[in-house]
N, C-alpha and C. Protein backbone atom coordinates (compact mmCIF):
# COMPACT_ATOMS: atom_id res chain seq x y z
N ALA A 1 -17.53 10.09 -1.23
CA ALA A 1 -18.27 8.93 -1.70
C ALA A 1 -19.43 8.61 -0.79
N SER A 2 -19.31 8.97 0.50
CA SER A 2 -20.39 8.64 1.43
C SER A 2 -21.68 9.37 1.06
N ALA A 3 -21.60 10.59 0.51
CA ALA A 3 -22.79 11.32 0.10
C ALA A 3 -23.29 10.84 -1.26
N LEU A 4 -22.41 10.26 -2.04
CA LEU A 4 -22.77 9.83 -3.39
C LEU A 4 -23.60 8.54 -3.37
N LEU A 5 -23.20 7.56 -2.59
CA LEU A 5 -23.89 6.27 -2.61
C LEU A 5 -25.37 6.37 -2.26
N PRO A 6 -25.76 7.07 -1.19
CA PRO A 6 -27.20 7.19 -0.91
C PRO A 6 -27.96 7.89 -2.04
N LEU A 7 -27.32 8.86 -2.66
CA LEU A 7 -27.94 9.58 -3.78
C LEU A 7 -28.18 8.63 -4.95
N LEU A 8 -27.18 7.82 -5.28
CA LEU A 8 -27.33 6.87 -6.39
C LEU A 8 -28.42 5.85 -6.10
N ARG A 9 -28.42 5.34 -4.85
CA ARG A 9 -29.47 4.36 -4.47
C ARG A 9 -30.86 4.98 -4.58
N ALA A 10 -31.00 6.21 -4.08
CA ALA A 10 -32.31 6.88 -4.12
C ALA A 10 -32.79 7.10 -5.55
N GLU A 11 -31.85 7.29 -6.45
CA GLU A 11 -32.19 7.53 -7.86
C GLU A 11 -32.30 6.22 -8.65
N GLY A 12 -31.94 5.10 -8.00
CA GLY A 12 -32.01 3.81 -8.69
C GLY A 12 -30.89 3.60 -9.69
N VAL A 13 -29.76 4.25 -9.47
CA VAL A 13 -28.62 4.15 -10.38
C VAL A 13 -27.73 2.99 -9.94
N SER A 14 -27.29 2.18 -10.89
CA SER A 14 -26.42 1.05 -10.60
C SER A 14 -25.07 1.53 -10.08
N LEU A 15 -24.51 0.82 -9.12
CA LEU A 15 -23.20 1.20 -8.59
C LEU A 15 -22.09 1.04 -9.62
N SER A 16 -22.35 0.31 -10.70
CA SER A 16 -21.34 0.17 -11.76
C SER A 16 -21.07 1.51 -12.45
N ALA A 17 -21.96 2.46 -12.29
CA ALA A 17 -21.78 3.78 -12.91
C ALA A 17 -20.65 4.57 -12.24
N ILE A 18 -20.23 4.13 -11.06
CA ILE A 18 -19.19 4.85 -10.32
C ILE A 18 -17.85 4.83 -11.07
N ALA A 19 -17.55 3.76 -11.79
CA ALA A 19 -16.25 3.65 -12.48
C ALA A 19 -16.04 4.81 -13.45
N SER A 20 -16.99 5.06 -14.33
CA SER A 20 -16.82 6.15 -15.29
C SER A 20 -16.90 7.50 -14.59
N PHE A 21 -17.68 7.58 -13.52
CA PHE A 21 -17.79 8.80 -12.73
C PHE A 21 -16.43 9.15 -12.11
N LYS A 22 -15.75 8.14 -11.55
CA LYS A 22 -14.42 8.36 -10.96
C LYS A 22 -13.40 8.73 -12.02
N ALA A 23 -13.63 8.30 -13.25
CA ALA A 23 -12.73 8.63 -14.35
C ALA A 23 -12.95 10.06 -14.85
N GLY A 24 -13.94 10.76 -14.29
CA GLY A 24 -14.14 12.16 -14.63
C GLY A 24 -15.34 12.45 -15.51
N LYS A 25 -16.15 11.45 -15.81
CA LYS A 25 -17.31 11.68 -16.68
C LYS A 25 -18.54 12.03 -15.82
N PRO A 26 -19.26 13.08 -16.19
CA PRO A 26 -20.48 13.43 -15.46
C PRO A 26 -21.50 12.30 -15.52
N LEU A 27 -22.35 12.26 -14.51
CA LEU A 27 -23.34 11.19 -14.41
C LEU A 27 -24.74 11.80 -14.45
N SER A 28 -25.52 11.39 -15.43
CA SER A 28 -26.90 11.88 -15.56
C SER A 28 -27.82 10.94 -14.78
N LEU A 29 -28.58 11.51 -13.86
CA LEU A 29 -29.52 10.74 -13.05
C LEU A 29 -30.88 10.69 -13.73
N PRO A 30 -31.70 9.68 -13.43
CA PRO A 30 -33.03 9.59 -14.03
C PRO A 30 -33.89 10.83 -13.78
N SER A 31 -33.64 11.54 -12.68
CA SER A 31 -34.41 12.75 -12.36
C SER A 31 -34.04 13.94 -13.24
N GLY A 32 -32.97 13.79 -14.04
CA GLY A 32 -32.50 14.88 -14.88
C GLY A 32 -31.31 15.63 -14.28
N ARG A 33 -31.04 15.40 -13.03
CA ARG A 33 -29.89 16.04 -12.38
C ARG A 33 -28.60 15.44 -12.94
N VAL A 34 -27.61 16.29 -13.17
CA VAL A 34 -26.32 15.84 -13.66
C VAL A 34 -25.28 16.07 -12.56
N LEU A 35 -24.59 15.01 -12.19
CA LEU A 35 -23.58 15.10 -11.13
C LEU A 35 -22.20 15.31 -11.75
N ASP A 36 -21.49 16.27 -11.20
CA ASP A 36 -20.13 16.57 -11.64
C ASP A 36 -19.16 15.84 -10.71
N PRO A 37 -18.26 15.02 -11.27
CA PRO A 37 -17.33 14.26 -10.43
C PRO A 37 -16.50 15.12 -9.47
N SER A 38 -16.15 16.32 -9.88
CA SER A 38 -15.32 17.16 -9.01
C SER A 38 -16.03 17.53 -7.71
N ASP A 39 -17.35 17.38 -7.67
CA ASP A 39 -18.09 17.65 -6.44
C ASP A 39 -18.03 16.47 -5.46
N PHE A 40 -17.59 15.30 -5.94
CA PHE A 40 -17.62 14.10 -5.10
C PHE A 40 -16.28 13.37 -4.99
N VAL A 41 -15.47 13.46 -6.03
CA VAL A 41 -14.25 12.66 -6.10
C VAL A 41 -13.03 13.54 -5.87
N LEU A 42 -12.19 13.12 -4.92
CA LEU A 42 -10.95 13.85 -4.65
C LEU A 42 -9.91 13.52 -5.71
N PRO A 43 -8.98 14.43 -5.97
CA PRO A 43 -7.92 14.13 -6.95
C PRO A 43 -7.13 12.89 -6.53
N ALA A 44 -6.73 12.12 -7.51
CA ALA A 44 -5.97 10.89 -7.25
C ALA A 44 -4.57 11.24 -6.75
N THR A 45 -4.05 10.38 -5.91
CA THR A 45 -2.67 10.51 -5.44
C THR A 45 -1.94 9.22 -5.77
N GLN A 46 -0.66 9.32 -5.94
CA GLN A 46 0.13 8.13 -6.18
C GLN A 46 1.02 7.88 -4.99
N ARG A 47 1.05 6.64 -4.55
CA ARG A 47 1.89 6.24 -3.44
C ARG A 47 2.63 4.97 -3.82
N LYS A 48 3.77 4.78 -3.20
CA LYS A 48 4.57 3.59 -3.48
C LYS A 48 4.59 2.71 -2.25
N LEU A 49 4.13 1.47 -2.42
CA LEU A 49 4.11 0.48 -1.36
C LEU A 49 5.10 -0.62 -1.72
N VAL A 50 6.00 -0.96 -0.80
CA VAL A 50 6.97 -2.02 -1.02
C VAL A 50 6.73 -3.08 0.04
N ILE A 51 6.53 -4.33 -0.39
CA ILE A 51 6.35 -5.45 0.52
C ILE A 51 7.50 -6.41 0.29
N LEU A 52 8.30 -6.63 1.33
CA LEU A 52 9.46 -7.50 1.24
C LEU A 52 9.26 -8.72 2.13
N GLY A 53 9.71 -9.84 1.64
CA GLY A 53 9.66 -11.07 2.43
C GLY A 53 11.05 -11.44 2.87
N ASP A 54 11.48 -12.64 2.57
CA ASP A 54 12.80 -13.14 2.97
C ASP A 54 13.88 -12.31 2.30
N LEU A 55 14.73 -11.70 3.12
CA LEU A 55 15.77 -10.84 2.58
C LEU A 55 17.14 -11.49 2.56
N SER A 56 17.23 -12.76 2.90
CA SER A 56 18.54 -13.38 3.02
C SER A 56 19.33 -13.36 1.71
N ALA A 57 18.66 -13.32 0.58
CA ALA A 57 19.36 -13.31 -0.70
C ALA A 57 19.15 -11.99 -1.46
N ALA A 58 18.56 -11.01 -0.80
CA ALA A 58 18.21 -9.78 -1.50
C ALA A 58 19.40 -8.86 -1.74
N GLY A 59 20.38 -8.92 -0.87
CA GLY A 59 21.54 -8.06 -1.02
C GLY A 59 21.16 -6.60 -1.02
N ARG A 60 21.90 -5.81 -1.74
CA ARG A 60 21.66 -4.36 -1.75
C ARG A 60 20.55 -3.95 -2.71
N GLY A 61 20.05 -4.88 -3.49
CA GLY A 61 18.96 -4.56 -4.42
C GLY A 61 17.70 -4.12 -3.70
N MET A 62 17.54 -4.59 -2.46
CA MET A 62 16.36 -4.22 -1.69
C MET A 62 16.32 -2.71 -1.45
N ARG A 63 17.47 -2.11 -1.24
CA ARG A 63 17.53 -0.67 -0.99
C ARG A 63 16.97 0.09 -2.19
N LYS A 64 17.33 -0.34 -3.38
CA LYS A 64 16.84 0.33 -4.60
C LYS A 64 15.32 0.16 -4.73
N LEU A 65 14.81 -1.02 -4.41
CA LEU A 65 13.36 -1.25 -4.48
C LEU A 65 12.60 -0.35 -3.51
N ALA A 66 13.16 -0.17 -2.32
CA ALA A 66 12.46 0.59 -1.28
C ALA A 66 12.63 2.10 -1.41
N GLU A 67 13.54 2.53 -2.25
CA GLU A 67 13.82 3.95 -2.38
C GLU A 67 12.58 4.75 -2.76
N GLY A 68 12.30 5.77 -1.98
CA GLY A 68 11.17 6.64 -2.26
C GLY A 68 9.81 6.07 -1.90
N CYS A 69 9.77 4.96 -1.20
CA CYS A 69 8.47 4.37 -0.89
C CYS A 69 7.78 5.15 0.23
N ASP A 70 6.45 5.10 0.22
CA ASP A 70 5.65 5.73 1.26
C ASP A 70 5.40 4.76 2.41
N LEU A 71 5.38 3.47 2.09
CA LEU A 71 5.16 2.46 3.11
C LEU A 71 5.98 1.23 2.76
N LEU A 72 6.77 0.77 3.73
CA LEU A 72 7.58 -0.43 3.56
C LEU A 72 7.10 -1.46 4.56
N VAL A 73 6.71 -2.63 4.06
CA VAL A 73 6.27 -3.73 4.90
C VAL A 73 7.31 -4.84 4.77
N HIS A 74 7.82 -5.30 5.91
CA HIS A 74 8.82 -6.36 5.90
C HIS A 74 8.29 -7.54 6.69
N GLU A 75 7.98 -8.60 5.99
CA GLU A 75 7.53 -9.84 6.62
C GLU A 75 8.78 -10.56 7.08
N ALA A 76 8.84 -10.90 8.37
CA ALA A 76 10.09 -11.44 8.91
C ALA A 76 9.92 -12.77 9.62
N THR A 77 9.03 -13.61 9.17
CA THR A 77 8.86 -14.93 9.77
C THR A 77 10.02 -15.82 9.31
N ASN A 78 10.63 -16.51 10.25
CA ASN A 78 11.74 -17.38 9.89
C ASN A 78 11.36 -18.83 10.15
N ALA A 79 11.08 -19.56 9.08
CA ALA A 79 10.63 -20.94 9.19
C ALA A 79 11.74 -21.89 9.60
N PHE A 80 13.00 -21.47 9.50
CA PHE A 80 14.13 -22.36 9.79
C PHE A 80 14.76 -22.07 11.15
N LEU A 81 14.01 -21.51 12.06
CA LEU A 81 14.54 -21.09 13.35
C LEU A 81 15.18 -22.22 14.13
N CYS A 82 14.68 -23.43 14.01
CA CYS A 82 15.19 -24.54 14.81
C CYS A 82 16.29 -25.35 14.11
N VAL A 83 16.61 -25.08 12.88
CA VAL A 83 17.58 -25.88 12.14
C VAL A 83 18.99 -25.72 12.69
N ASP A 84 19.49 -24.52 12.71
CA ASP A 84 20.83 -24.24 13.23
C ASP A 84 20.75 -22.88 13.91
N ALA A 85 20.28 -22.89 15.15
CA ALA A 85 19.95 -21.65 15.85
C ALA A 85 21.14 -20.70 15.98
N GLU A 86 22.33 -21.22 16.24
CA GLU A 86 23.49 -20.34 16.44
C GLU A 86 23.87 -19.62 15.14
N ARG A 87 23.97 -20.39 14.06
CA ARG A 87 24.31 -19.78 12.76
C ARG A 87 23.21 -18.84 12.31
N LEU A 88 21.98 -19.25 12.55
CA LEU A 88 20.84 -18.44 12.15
C LEU A 88 20.81 -17.12 12.92
N ALA A 89 21.11 -17.16 14.20
CA ALA A 89 21.10 -15.95 15.01
C ALA A 89 22.09 -14.92 14.46
N ALA A 90 23.27 -15.37 14.06
CA ALA A 90 24.26 -14.46 13.49
C ALA A 90 23.75 -13.87 12.17
N ASN A 91 23.13 -14.70 11.34
CA ASN A 91 22.59 -14.22 10.06
C ASN A 91 21.45 -13.23 10.26
N VAL A 92 20.58 -13.52 11.23
CA VAL A 92 19.45 -12.64 11.49
C VAL A 92 19.94 -11.28 11.96
N LEU A 93 20.94 -11.27 12.84
CA LEU A 93 21.49 -10.00 13.30
C LEU A 93 22.08 -9.20 12.14
N ALA A 94 22.81 -9.87 11.27
CA ALA A 94 23.40 -9.18 10.12
C ALA A 94 22.32 -8.66 9.18
N ASP A 95 21.32 -9.49 8.89
CA ASP A 95 20.22 -9.08 8.00
C ASP A 95 19.43 -7.92 8.59
N THR A 96 19.20 -7.97 9.90
CA THR A 96 18.45 -6.91 10.56
C THR A 96 19.19 -5.59 10.48
N ALA A 97 20.50 -5.64 10.71
CA ALA A 97 21.30 -4.42 10.62
C ALA A 97 21.27 -3.86 9.20
N HIS A 98 21.35 -4.74 8.21
CA HIS A 98 21.31 -4.31 6.81
C HIS A 98 19.96 -3.68 6.48
N LEU A 99 18.88 -4.32 6.92
CA LEU A 99 17.54 -3.79 6.66
C LEU A 99 17.35 -2.44 7.34
N ALA A 100 17.77 -2.34 8.59
CA ALA A 100 17.63 -1.07 9.32
C ALA A 100 18.38 0.05 8.60
N SER A 101 19.55 -0.26 8.10
CA SER A 101 20.35 0.72 7.37
C SER A 101 19.62 1.15 6.10
N ALA A 102 19.04 0.20 5.41
CA ALA A 102 18.34 0.50 4.16
C ALA A 102 17.09 1.34 4.42
N VAL A 103 16.36 1.00 5.47
CA VAL A 103 15.14 1.75 5.79
C VAL A 103 15.51 3.18 6.16
N LYS A 104 16.56 3.33 6.96
CA LYS A 104 17.01 4.67 7.33
C LYS A 104 17.44 5.44 6.09
N ALA A 105 18.07 4.77 5.15
CA ALA A 105 18.55 5.42 3.94
C ALA A 105 17.42 5.99 3.10
N VAL A 106 16.25 5.37 3.15
CA VAL A 106 15.12 5.88 2.37
C VAL A 106 14.19 6.74 3.22
N GLY A 107 14.65 7.10 4.41
CA GLY A 107 13.88 8.02 5.25
C GLY A 107 12.75 7.36 6.00
N GLY A 108 12.79 6.06 6.13
CA GLY A 108 11.71 5.35 6.81
C GLY A 108 11.84 5.38 8.31
N GLN A 109 10.76 5.07 8.95
CA GLN A 109 10.74 4.94 10.39
C GLN A 109 10.08 3.62 10.74
N ARG A 110 10.51 3.05 11.85
CA ARG A 110 9.90 1.78 12.28
C ARG A 110 8.54 2.11 12.86
N ALA A 111 7.51 1.60 12.23
CA ALA A 111 6.16 1.92 12.66
C ALA A 111 5.58 0.86 13.58
N GLN A 112 5.80 -0.41 13.29
CA GLN A 112 5.17 -1.45 14.06
C GLN A 112 5.94 -2.73 13.91
N SER A 113 5.99 -3.51 14.97
CA SER A 113 6.63 -4.81 14.92
C SER A 113 5.61 -5.85 15.29
N GLY A 114 5.62 -6.94 14.59
CA GLY A 114 4.69 -8.03 14.92
C GLY A 114 3.50 -8.06 13.98
N PRO A 115 2.63 -9.05 14.20
CA PRO A 115 1.47 -9.22 13.31
C PRO A 115 0.44 -8.14 13.48
């Protein structure tokens, strides 16, 4: 795409033409040159992204959602940290162990912790 944009600008072609070009349709330039999408656009790939928030009520369904994902993001902010710290600590440990087990089950690795 980096080589395509300067070419389109130089020819005075609207950037809105990129949508049909990415869909595989050749693009005719005002100069008469015809651009073939296969020269500029890579084949599409499909990836599965799973974003999970509060897992306290997710149970084992989370494992099914994350199965086969390419990237799993787990937001783990706990807004109730000060309510009942002792009970919460036990729940967090249990939830963390469950999540780690599920991530391992789908072949995931811990990539990053924190914001």
